[in-house]
N, C-alpha and C. Protein backbone atom coordinates (compact mmCIF):
# COMPACT_ATOMS: atom_id res chain seq x y z
N ASP A 1 103.69 106.23 105.90
CA ASP A 1 104.71 107.25 105.74
C ASP A 1 105.93 106.70 105.01
N ALA A 2 106.37 105.53 105.42
CA ALA A 2 107.58 104.96 104.81
C ALA A 2 107.37 104.67 103.34
N LEU A 3 106.18 104.23 102.98
CA LEU A 3 105.92 103.91 101.58
C LEU A 3 106.02 105.17 100.72
N VAL A 4 105.55 106.29 101.23
CA VAL A 4 105.69 107.56 100.52
C VAL A 4 107.17 107.92 100.40
N GLU A 5 107.90 107.83 101.50
CA GLU A 5 109.32 108.18 101.49
C GLU A 5 110.13 107.26 100.59
N VAL A 6 109.81 105.97 100.59
CA VAL A 6 110.51 105.03 99.72
C VAL A 6 110.22 105.36 98.26
N HIS A 7 108.98 105.68 97.96
CA HIS A 7 108.63 106.04 96.59
C HIS A 7 109.42 107.27 96.14
N LEU A 8 109.46 108.29 96.99
CA LEU A 8 110.21 109.50 96.66
C LEU A 8 111.70 109.22 96.52
N LEU A 9 112.24 108.38 97.40
CA LEU A 9 113.65 108.01 97.35
C LEU A 9 113.98 107.29 96.04
N GLU A 10 113.16 106.33 95.68
CA GLU A 10 113.42 105.59 94.45
C GLU A 10 113.24 106.46 93.22
N SER A 11 112.29 107.37 93.25
CA SER A 11 112.10 108.30 92.13
C SER A 11 113.32 109.20 91.98
N ALA A 12 113.79 109.73 93.10
CA ALA A 12 114.98 110.59 93.07
C ALA A 12 116.19 109.83 92.54
N SER A 13 116.30 108.58 92.93
CA SER A 13 117.42 107.75 92.47
C SER A 13 117.35 107.56 90.96
N LYS A 14 116.17 107.25 90.46
CA LYS A 14 116.01 107.02 89.02
C LYS A 14 116.27 108.28 88.21
N LEU A 15 116.01 109.44 88.82
CA LEU A 15 116.22 110.70 88.13
C LEU A 15 117.61 111.29 88.43
N ASN A 16 118.44 110.52 89.13
CA ASN A 16 119.79 110.95 89.50
C ASN A 16 119.78 112.27 90.27
N LEU A 17 118.83 112.40 91.21
CA LEU A 17 118.71 113.62 92.00
C LEU A 17 119.32 113.48 93.40
N LEU A 18 119.82 112.30 93.73
CA LEU A 18 120.38 112.11 95.06
C LEU A 18 121.78 112.68 95.11
N VAL A 19 122.00 113.56 96.06
CA VAL A 19 123.31 114.17 96.23
C VAL A 19 124.29 113.11 96.70
N GLY A 20 125.47 113.09 96.09
CA GLY A 20 126.49 112.14 96.50
C GLY A 20 126.23 110.72 96.07
N MET A 21 125.42 110.54 95.06
CA MET A 21 125.09 109.19 94.61
C MET A 21 126.34 108.42 94.19
N ASP A 22 127.39 109.14 93.80
CA ASP A 22 128.63 108.46 93.43
C ASP A 22 129.25 107.76 94.63
N SER A 23 129.16 108.40 95.81
CA SER A 23 129.83 107.85 96.98
C SER A 23 128.90 107.00 97.84
N LEU A 24 127.61 107.16 97.67
CA LEU A 24 126.65 106.38 98.45
C LEU A 24 125.76 105.60 97.50
N ASN A 25 125.39 104.43 97.90
CA ASN A 25 124.45 103.69 97.07
C ASN A 25 123.06 103.77 97.67
N LEU A 26 122.08 103.32 96.95
CA LEU A 26 120.70 103.41 97.39
C LEU A 26 120.48 102.71 98.73
N LYS A 27 121.20 101.64 98.96
CA LYS A 27 121.07 100.91 100.22
C LYS A 27 121.40 101.81 101.40
N ASP A 28 122.39 102.68 101.26
CA ASP A 28 122.75 103.61 102.33
C ASP A 28 121.60 104.56 102.63
N TYR A 29 120.93 105.03 101.59
CA TYR A 29 119.78 105.91 101.78
C TYR A 29 118.65 105.17 102.49
N TYR A 30 118.43 103.92 102.12
CA TYR A 30 117.41 103.13 102.79
C TYR A 30 117.72 102.98 104.27
N HIS A 31 118.96 102.66 104.58
CA HIS A 31 119.33 102.50 105.99
C HIS A 31 119.16 103.80 106.76
N ALA A 32 119.50 104.92 106.16
CA ALA A 32 119.32 106.21 106.81
C ALA A 32 117.83 106.51 107.02
N LEU A 33 117.02 106.20 106.04
CA LEU A 33 115.58 106.42 106.15
C LEU A 33 114.99 105.60 107.29
N PHE A 34 115.32 104.33 107.36
CA PHE A 34 114.72 103.46 108.37
C PHE A 34 115.36 103.60 109.74
N ALA A 35 116.48 104.29 109.81
CA ALA A 35 117.08 104.58 111.12
C ALA A 35 116.19 105.55 111.90
N THR A 36 115.35 106.30 111.19
CA THR A 36 114.46 107.27 111.83
C THR A 36 113.09 106.69 112.15
N LYS A 37 112.86 105.45 111.77
CA LYS A 37 111.55 104.83 111.96
C LYS A 37 111.54 103.92 113.19
N SER A 38 110.35 103.59 113.64
CA SER A 38 110.21 102.67 114.78
C SER A 38 110.20 101.22 114.31
N TYR A 39 110.45 101.00 113.02
CA TYR A 39 110.50 99.66 112.45
C TYR A 39 111.68 99.61 111.48
N SER A 40 112.14 98.42 111.23
CA SER A 40 113.33 98.23 110.41
C SER A 40 112.98 98.08 108.93
N LEU A 41 114.01 98.18 108.10
CA LEU A 41 113.84 97.93 106.68
C LEU A 41 113.34 96.51 106.45
N ALA A 42 113.85 95.55 107.20
CA ALA A 42 113.39 94.16 107.07
C ALA A 42 111.91 94.05 107.39
N GLU A 43 111.46 94.74 108.43
CA GLU A 43 110.04 94.71 108.78
C GLU A 43 109.19 95.37 107.69
N PHE A 44 109.70 96.46 107.13
CA PHE A 44 109.00 97.13 106.03
C PHE A 44 108.87 96.18 104.84
N ARG A 45 109.97 95.52 104.49
CA ARG A 45 109.93 94.59 103.36
C ARG A 45 108.96 93.44 103.61
N GLU A 46 108.94 92.93 104.84
CA GLU A 46 108.03 91.85 105.19
C GLU A 46 106.57 92.31 105.04
N SER A 47 106.29 93.51 105.52
CA SER A 47 104.95 94.08 105.40
C SER A 47 104.58 94.30 103.93
N PHE A 48 105.53 94.83 103.16
CA PHE A 48 105.29 95.06 101.73
C PHE A 48 104.99 93.75 101.02
N THR A 49 105.73 92.72 101.33
CA THR A 49 105.51 91.40 100.74
C THR A 49 104.12 90.88 101.10
N PHE A 50 103.75 91.05 102.37
CA PHE A 50 102.42 90.61 102.81
C PHE A 50 101.33 91.32 102.02
N TYR A 51 101.41 92.65 101.95
CA TYR A 51 100.36 93.42 101.27
C TYR A 51 100.39 93.22 99.75
N SER A 52 101.52 92.84 99.20
CA SER A 52 101.56 92.58 97.76
C SER A 52 100.77 91.32 97.41
N GLN A 53 100.49 90.51 98.41
CA GLN A 53 99.66 89.31 98.21
C GLN A 53 98.17 89.64 98.33
N GLU A 54 97.88 90.89 98.72
CA GLU A 54 96.51 91.38 98.88
C GLU A 54 96.30 92.54 97.90
N PRO A 55 96.01 92.26 96.63
CA PRO A 55 95.99 93.30 95.60
C PRO A 55 95.06 94.49 95.90
N LYS A 56 93.89 94.24 96.42
CA LYS A 56 92.97 95.35 96.69
C LYS A 56 93.50 96.25 97.80
N THR A 57 94.09 95.67 98.82
CA THR A 57 94.66 96.45 99.91
C THR A 57 95.88 97.21 99.41
N MET A 58 96.71 96.55 98.61
CA MET A 58 97.90 97.21 98.06
C MET A 58 97.49 98.36 97.16
N GLU A 59 96.47 98.18 96.36
CA GLU A 59 95.99 99.25 95.49
C GLU A 59 95.55 100.46 96.32
N ALA A 60 94.85 100.21 97.42
CA ALA A 60 94.41 101.30 98.29
C ALA A 60 95.62 102.01 98.90
N LEU A 61 96.63 101.25 99.32
CA LEU A 61 97.84 101.86 99.88
C LEU A 61 98.55 102.71 98.84
N LEU A 62 98.68 102.20 97.64
CA LEU A 62 99.38 102.95 96.59
C LEU A 62 98.58 104.17 96.15
N ASP A 63 97.26 104.08 96.17
CA ASP A 63 96.42 105.25 95.90
C ASP A 63 96.67 106.32 96.96
N SER A 64 96.79 105.89 98.19
CA SER A 64 97.07 106.82 99.30
C SER A 64 98.43 107.48 99.11
N VAL A 65 99.42 106.71 98.69
CA VAL A 65 100.76 107.25 98.42
C VAL A 65 100.67 108.31 97.33
N LEU A 66 99.99 107.99 96.25
CA LEU A 66 99.85 108.93 95.14
C LEU A 66 99.17 110.22 95.60
N THR A 67 98.12 110.09 96.37
CA THR A 67 97.40 111.26 96.88
C THR A 67 98.30 112.12 97.74
N ARG A 68 99.06 111.50 98.63
CA ARG A 68 99.95 112.26 99.52
C ARG A 68 101.06 112.96 98.72
N ILE A 69 101.57 112.30 97.70
CA ILE A 69 102.63 112.93 96.87
C ILE A 69 102.03 114.09 96.08
N GLN A 70 100.84 113.93 95.57
CA GLN A 70 100.19 115.01 94.83
C GLN A 70 99.95 116.21 95.74
N MET A 71 99.65 115.97 97.00
CA MET A 71 99.42 117.06 97.95
C MET A 71 100.72 117.81 98.26
N MET A 72 101.87 117.18 98.04
CA MET A 72 103.16 117.82 98.29
C MET A 72 103.50 118.84 97.20
N GLU A 73 102.90 118.69 96.03
CA GLU A 73 103.23 119.55 94.90
C GLU A 73 102.82 120.97 95.12
């Protein structure tokens, strides 16, 4: 779930779609996102780093993210 939300957050940031981006930086959005999770941003980053060392597993995760985002359309 978080990987989908992070992808959407970063996409919105790159497209300048985040409301109040002048007063808030991306880090604030990350903290708000992970405040709702049962794991921290640091734990997410650690997990992401771990899976980035496993290319086939990471590819499957990213395929899942893409599929979930396509289903949102």
